[in-house]
């Protein structure tokens, strides 16, 4: 369905990661361990997870610009339903790869 999820930048601060999933770009703030305000990897709602903040960007057709299409910051602000497959892939990728860290 989508291209694979890739980590592009680990950032200069602890827990800040950037990457892409097909044409989408994402930015995530990870905590050291599961927190009550993080994204639950099973339900994708606020619950026990390590992702405290997630922002998903999509390209604007005909330009090189990106626009924010989904945002989670200690709870969903907007865009979860419309971009659920991409959010799901990013969360699963991060939970699988960052669980070892």
N, C-alpha and C. Protein backbone atom coordinates (compact mmCIF):
# COMPACT_ATOMS: atom_id res chain seq x y z
N UNK A 1 0.83 -1.20 0.00
CA UNK A 1 0.00 0.00 0.00
C UNK A 1 0.87 1.26 0.00
N UNK A 2 1.77 1.39 0.99
CA UNK A 2 2.69 2.52 1.06
C UNK A 2 4.11 2.00 0.97
N UNK A 3 5.00 2.87 0.60
CA UNK A 3 6.42 2.51 0.63
C UNK A 3 6.80 2.25 2.08
N UNK A 4 7.94 1.65 2.26
CA UNK A 4 8.36 1.32 3.62
C UNK A 4 8.63 2.58 4.45
N UNK A 5 8.56 2.43 5.73
CA UNK A 5 8.82 3.53 6.65
C UNK A 5 10.33 3.63 6.83
N UNK A 6 10.85 4.84 6.75
CA UNK A 6 12.31 5.05 6.89
C UNK A 6 12.58 6.12 7.92
N UNK A 7 13.61 5.91 8.71
CA UNK A 7 14.08 6.90 9.65
C UNK A 7 15.10 7.77 8.93
N UNK A 8 14.88 9.07 8.88
CA UNK A 8 15.79 9.98 8.17
C UNK A 8 16.75 10.70 9.11
N UNK A 9 16.27 11.06 10.30
CA UNK A 9 17.09 11.89 11.18
C UNK A 9 16.74 11.57 12.63
N UNK A 10 17.75 11.38 13.45
CA UNK A 10 17.52 11.13 14.86
C UNK A 10 17.48 12.43 15.65
N UNK A 11 17.67 13.57 15.01
CA UNK A 11 17.57 14.86 15.67
C UNK A 11 18.73 15.16 16.58
N UNK A 12 18.76 16.38 17.07
CA UNK A 12 19.83 16.81 17.97
C UNK A 12 19.45 16.63 19.42
N UNK A 13 18.15 16.46 19.71
CA UNK A 13 17.70 16.24 21.08
C UNK A 13 17.31 14.78 21.26
N UNK A 14 17.37 14.32 22.48
CA UNK A 14 16.96 12.94 22.78
C UNK A 14 15.49 12.76 22.47
N UNK A 15 15.17 11.68 21.77
CA UNK A 15 13.78 11.33 21.53
C UNK A 15 13.12 11.97 20.33
N UNK A 16 13.79 12.84 19.60
CA UNK A 16 13.19 13.48 18.44
C UNK A 16 13.64 12.74 17.18
N UNK A 17 12.67 12.18 16.45
CA UNK A 17 12.96 11.42 15.24
C UNK A 17 12.16 11.96 14.07
N UNK A 18 12.76 11.90 12.88
CA UNK A 18 12.08 12.31 11.66
C UNK A 18 12.25 11.21 10.62
N UNK A 19 11.22 11.06 9.77
CA UNK A 19 11.30 10.04 8.75
C UNK A 19 10.26 10.23 7.67
N UNK A 20 10.10 9.18 6.85
CA UNK A 20 9.13 9.25 5.76
C UNK A 20 8.46 7.90 5.58
N UNK A 21 7.28 7.95 4.99
CA UNK A 21 6.51 6.76 4.64
C UNK A 21 5.85 7.08 3.31
N UNK A 22 6.46 6.62 2.23
CA UNK A 22 5.97 6.99 0.90
C UNK A 22 6.12 8.49 0.70
N UNK A 23 5.08 9.18 0.26
CA UNK A 23 5.19 10.62 0.06
C UNK A 23 5.06 11.42 1.35
N UNK A 24 4.67 10.77 2.44
CA UNK A 24 4.46 11.45 3.72
C UNK A 24 5.77 11.60 4.49
N UNK A 25 5.86 12.66 5.27
CA UNK A 25 6.97 12.87 6.21
C UNK A 25 6.39 12.87 7.60
N UNK A 26 7.16 12.43 8.59
CA UNK A 26 6.68 12.42 9.96
C UNK A 26 7.75 12.89 10.92
N UNK A 27 7.29 13.37 12.07
CA UNK A 27 8.17 13.82 13.14
C UNK A 27 7.58 13.29 14.44
N UNK A 28 8.41 12.68 15.28
CA UNK A 28 7.94 12.01 16.48
C UNK A 28 8.81 12.40 17.67
N UNK A 29 8.19 12.52 18.82
CA UNK A 29 8.90 12.72 20.08
C UNK A 29 8.68 11.47 20.93
N UNK A 30 9.75 10.71 21.18
CA UNK A 30 9.67 9.48 21.96
C UNK A 30 10.08 9.73 23.41
N UNK A 31 9.44 9.00 24.32
CA UNK A 31 9.84 9.04 25.72
C UNK A 31 10.68 7.80 26.02
N UNK A 32 11.33 7.79 27.16
CA UNK A 32 12.19 6.65 27.52
C UNK A 32 11.41 5.36 27.75
N UNK A 33 10.22 5.49 28.26
CA UNK A 33 9.38 4.33 28.51
C UNK A 33 7.92 4.70 28.25
N UNK A 34 7.03 3.73 28.32
CA UNK A 34 5.61 4.02 28.09
C UNK A 34 5.07 5.02 29.11
N UNK A 35 4.27 5.96 28.63
CA UNK A 35 3.64 6.98 29.48
C UNK A 35 2.14 6.98 29.23
N UNK A 36 1.39 7.50 30.17
CA UNK A 36 -0.07 7.48 30.09
C UNK A 36 -0.61 8.38 28.98
N UNK A 37 0.17 9.34 28.53
CA UNK A 37 -0.30 10.26 27.49
C UNK A 37 0.27 9.93 26.10
N UNK A 38 0.94 8.79 25.96
CA UNK A 38 1.51 8.38 24.68
C UNK A 38 0.49 7.64 23.82
N UNK A 39 0.83 7.42 22.55
CA UNK A 39 -0.05 6.68 21.63
C UNK A 39 0.03 5.20 21.95
N UNK A 40 -1.11 4.61 22.27
CA UNK A 40 -1.18 3.16 22.49
C UNK A 40 -1.00 2.48 21.14
N UNK A 41 0.01 1.63 20.97
CA UNK A 41 0.27 1.02 19.66
C UNK A 41 -0.85 0.09 19.18
N UNK A 42 -1.68 -0.40 20.09
CA UNK A 42 -2.77 -1.29 19.69
C UNK A 42 -4.01 -0.54 19.22
N UNK A 43 -4.38 0.52 19.93
CA UNK A 43 -5.62 1.25 19.61
C UNK A 43 -5.37 2.54 18.84
N UNK A 44 -4.16 3.07 18.88
CA UNK A 44 -3.78 4.36 18.29
C UNK A 44 -4.50 5.54 18.93
N UNK A 45 -4.98 5.34 20.15
CA UNK A 45 -5.53 6.43 20.94
C UNK A 45 -4.58 6.71 22.09
N UNK A 46 -4.86 7.74 22.85
CA UNK A 46 -4.06 8.07 24.01
C UNK A 46 -4.11 6.90 24.99
N UNK A 47 -2.95 6.45 25.42
CA UNK A 47 -2.88 5.30 26.32
C UNK A 47 -1.45 5.08 26.77
N UNK A 48 -1.04 3.84 26.94
CA UNK A 48 0.31 3.53 27.38
C UNK A 48 1.22 3.31 26.18
N UNK A 49 1.94 4.33 25.78
CA UNK A 49 2.87 4.21 24.67
C UNK A 49 4.05 5.13 24.84
N UNK A 50 5.04 5.00 23.96
CA UNK A 50 6.26 5.81 24.04
C UNK A 50 6.20 7.05 23.17
N UNK A 51 5.25 7.12 22.23
CA UNK A 51 5.16 8.27 21.32
C UNK A 51 4.29 9.34 21.97
N UNK A 52 4.93 10.41 22.44
CA UNK A 52 4.22 11.50 23.10
C UNK A 52 3.73 12.54 22.10
N UNK A 53 4.38 12.63 20.96
CA UNK A 53 3.99 13.61 19.94
C UNK A 53 4.27 13.02 18.57
N UNK A 54 3.33 13.19 17.66
CA UNK A 54 3.51 12.74 16.28
C UNK A 54 2.87 13.77 15.36
N UNK A 55 3.61 14.19 14.35
CA UNK A 55 3.08 15.10 13.34
C UNK A 55 3.34 14.46 11.98
N UNK A 56 2.29 14.40 11.16
CA UNK A 56 2.37 13.79 9.84
C UNK A 56 2.17 14.88 8.80
N UNK A 57 3.06 14.92 7.82
CA UNK A 57 3.00 15.92 6.75
C UNK A 57 2.77 15.23 5.41
N UNK A 58 1.98 15.86 4.54
CA UNK A 58 1.73 15.34 3.19
C UNK A 58 2.15 16.41 2.18
N UNK A 59 2.62 15.99 1.00
CA UNK A 59 3.03 16.97 -0.01
C UNK A 59 1.83 17.70 -0.59
N UNK A 60 2.05 18.97 -0.92
CA UNK A 60 1.04 19.76 -1.63
C UNK A 60 1.30 19.57 -3.11
N UNK A 61 0.33 19.03 -3.87
CA UNK A 61 0.55 18.75 -5.29
C UNK A 61 1.01 19.98 -6.07
N UNK A 62 1.99 19.77 -6.93
CA UNK A 62 2.50 20.85 -7.78
C UNK A 62 3.52 21.75 -7.12
N UNK A 63 3.88 21.47 -5.87
CA UNK A 63 4.87 22.28 -5.16
C UNK A 63 5.84 21.37 -4.43
N UNK A 64 6.83 21.96 -3.82
CA UNK A 64 7.76 21.21 -2.97
C UNK A 64 7.39 21.34 -1.50
N UNK A 65 6.26 21.97 -1.23
CA UNK A 65 5.84 22.23 0.14
C UNK A 65 5.10 21.05 0.74
N UNK A 66 5.14 20.98 2.07
CA UNK A 66 4.42 19.95 2.81
C UNK A 66 3.43 20.65 3.73
N UNK A 67 2.29 19.97 4.00
CA UNK A 67 1.33 20.53 4.95
C UNK A 67 1.04 19.50 6.03
N UNK A 68 0.73 20.00 7.21
CA UNK A 68 0.45 19.15 8.35
C UNK A 68 -0.94 18.54 8.15
N UNK A 69 -1.04 17.19 8.17
CA UNK A 69 -2.32 16.53 7.94
C UNK A 69 -2.82 15.75 9.16
N UNK A 70 -1.95 15.46 10.12
CA UNK A 70 -2.36 14.78 11.35
C UNK A 70 -1.42 15.20 12.47
N UNK A 71 -1.98 15.35 13.67
CA UNK A 71 -1.17 15.79 14.81
C UNK A 71 -1.66 15.13 16.10
N UNK A 72 -0.69 14.57 16.83
CA UNK A 72 -0.94 14.01 18.16
C UNK A 72 0.03 14.69 19.11
N UNK A 73 -0.50 15.30 20.17
CA UNK A 73 0.33 15.90 21.20
C UNK A 73 -0.37 15.66 22.53
N UNK A 74 -0.05 14.53 23.14
CA UNK A 74 -0.71 14.08 24.37
C UNK A 74 -2.21 13.89 24.14
N UNK A 75 -2.59 13.59 22.93
CA UNK A 75 -3.97 13.37 22.51
C UNK A 75 -4.10 13.80 21.06
N UNK A 76 -5.04 13.23 20.32
CA UNK A 76 -5.19 13.57 18.90
C UNK A 76 -5.78 14.96 18.74
N UNK A 77 -5.12 15.78 17.94
CA UNK A 77 -5.61 17.13 17.63
C UNK A 77 -6.47 17.09 16.37
N UNK A 78 -5.98 16.41 15.32
CA UNK A 78 -6.74 16.26 14.08
C UNK A 78 -6.07 15.25 13.18
N UNK A 79 -6.80 14.75 12.19
CA UNK A 79 -6.23 13.94 11.12
C UNK A 79 -6.10 12.46 11.33
N UNK A 80 -6.45 11.94 12.50
CA UNK A 80 -6.23 10.52 12.76
C UNK A 80 -7.04 9.64 11.81
N UNK A 81 -8.31 9.89 11.67
CA UNK A 81 -9.18 9.04 10.84
C UNK A 81 -8.80 9.08 9.37
N UNK A 82 -8.52 10.24 8.84
CA UNK A 82 -8.23 10.39 7.42
C UNK A 82 -6.92 9.73 7.01
N UNK A 83 -5.97 9.66 7.92
CA UNK A 83 -4.63 9.15 7.59
C UNK A 83 -4.26 7.96 8.47
N UNK A 84 -5.25 7.19 8.86
CA UNK A 84 -5.05 6.05 9.76
C UNK A 84 -4.03 5.03 9.25
N UNK A 85 -4.06 4.62 7.97
CA UNK A 85 -3.07 3.62 7.52
C UNK A 85 -1.61 4.09 7.66
N UNK A 86 -1.35 5.35 7.38
CA UNK A 86 0.01 5.87 7.49
C UNK A 86 0.42 5.97 8.95
N UNK A 87 -0.46 6.50 9.78
CA UNK A 87 -0.18 6.61 11.21
C UNK A 87 0.09 5.23 11.80
N UNK A 88 -0.72 4.26 11.42
CA UNK A 88 -0.56 2.90 11.91
C UNK A 88 0.81 2.32 11.53
N UNK A 89 1.23 2.52 10.30
CA UNK A 89 2.53 2.00 9.85
C UNK A 89 3.68 2.66 10.60
N UNK A 90 3.59 3.98 10.79
CA UNK A 90 4.66 4.70 11.49
C UNK A 90 4.75 4.25 12.95
N UNK A 91 3.61 4.16 13.63
CA UNK A 91 3.60 3.75 15.04
C UNK A 91 4.14 2.33 15.19
N UNK A 92 3.71 1.42 14.34
CA UNK A 92 4.19 0.04 14.43
C UNK A 92 5.69 -0.05 14.15
N UNK A 93 6.16 0.72 13.18
CA UNK A 93 7.59 0.74 12.86
C UNK A 93 8.39 1.23 14.07
N UNK A 94 7.95 2.33 14.68
CA UNK A 94 8.68 2.89 15.81
C UNK A 94 8.63 1.98 17.02
N UNK A 95 7.49 1.38 17.27
CA UNK A 95 7.39 0.46 18.42
C UNK A 95 8.29 -0.75 18.21
N UNK A 96 8.39 -1.24 16.98
CA UNK A 96 9.22 -2.42 16.70
C UNK A 96 10.71 -2.08 16.76
N UNK A 97 11.11 -0.97 16.17
CA UNK A 97 12.55 -0.65 16.11
C UNK A 97 13.05 0.00 17.38
N UNK A 98 12.24 0.81 18.02
CA UNK A 98 12.71 1.53 19.20
C UNK A 98 12.51 0.75 20.48
N UNK A 99 11.84 -0.38 20.43
CA UNK A 99 11.67 -1.20 21.63
C UNK A 99 13.00 -1.78 22.06
N UNK A 100 13.90 -1.93 21.12
CA UNK A 100 15.23 -2.50 21.42
C UNK A 100 16.15 -1.49 22.06
N UNK A 101 15.80 -0.21 21.96
CA UNK A 101 16.69 0.85 22.47
C UNK A 101 16.50 1.05 23.95
